[in-house]
Amino acid sequence: MAEATATGWLSPKTAVPISRRYVQPPLTTVVNFALAEMLKLRNSGPVRFCPTPPSRGPEPVTRPRLFGISGSRAIRAIWGMEETGIDYEHVPVTYGADSKGADYLTVNPNGRIPALIDGDLQLFESMAINLYLAKRYGGALYPSSAEDEARTWQWSVWGISEIEPLQMQIVIQKLFTPEDKRNPKVVEHATKNLQRPLKVLDTALEGRDWLVGSAFSVADLNVASVMHLMGEIRFDYSEHANVQRWTDACYARPALARALAKP
């Protein structure tokens, strides 16, 4: 079990320092920086734990460790962990210097967040982490048939390939570019091009509450977590009523509220 210290934390396998100093992230980590700026997260303080609901899957032998702050892409995996209801350790590594040190690189050689250690498994990429957590611990969060499993993978990949790149063009313009240097054509172009994938999503949700099956699942979790920034840039869903209804339901889940309360 990890032990908190004045300078960070210690583990039998690794010793990852938790530096709370702000470091300007490169452009490739703009998603993480965007979320952190918008949520105005503090860069200091102890790890906080929130009550979790009863487990819907098997309890792990040892507590999984999830690395990353909620003001980053790691919010996707923190939300996923909270949905499972299992006990876990949250290590609030940032996207700054503390995720680039040699020790953390043994956890995620990409120097990115999130990352997961669960027993002998070390895993990175938020979509992969959520798929694993849902299948291993999430019970009904993970589909029970091969067909629905394939649909879940489909939607998870779709979110990061069809929505996120266009979404980030708008985020960069609205949140990182000085007002006198913004290019309205970039926002206009990305907004126009987002209508196509949003229409696909809206059609898929016609007459149904959730993407796969009759209940909230990891498919909804993964797509909704990718689209979480859309609310921050006040994207207009008026042409996609089913998407608006679905996102409202996803973002009202208590597990997301608990995830957002994490450092």
Foldseek 3Di string as FASTA:
>chain_A
DWDQDPQFIDDPQFTQGAFLDDDDDPPVQVQLVLLCVVLVDHSDDDWDDDQADDAQFDAAPDAKEKEAACSGLQLLQLLLLRLRRYDHHYGHHYLPDRLVDPRNCVLPVVSGDIWMDRPPDTDDDSLVSSQVCCVHTVNVQADDDPVLNVQLVVLLVCLVPQPQVLLVQLSCQPPPDPPVPHDVVSVVVSLVSSVVVLVVVLVCQVPAQENGDNDNHSSLSNNLSSCVCCVVSPRDCPVRVSVVNNNVVVCPDVSSVSSSPTD
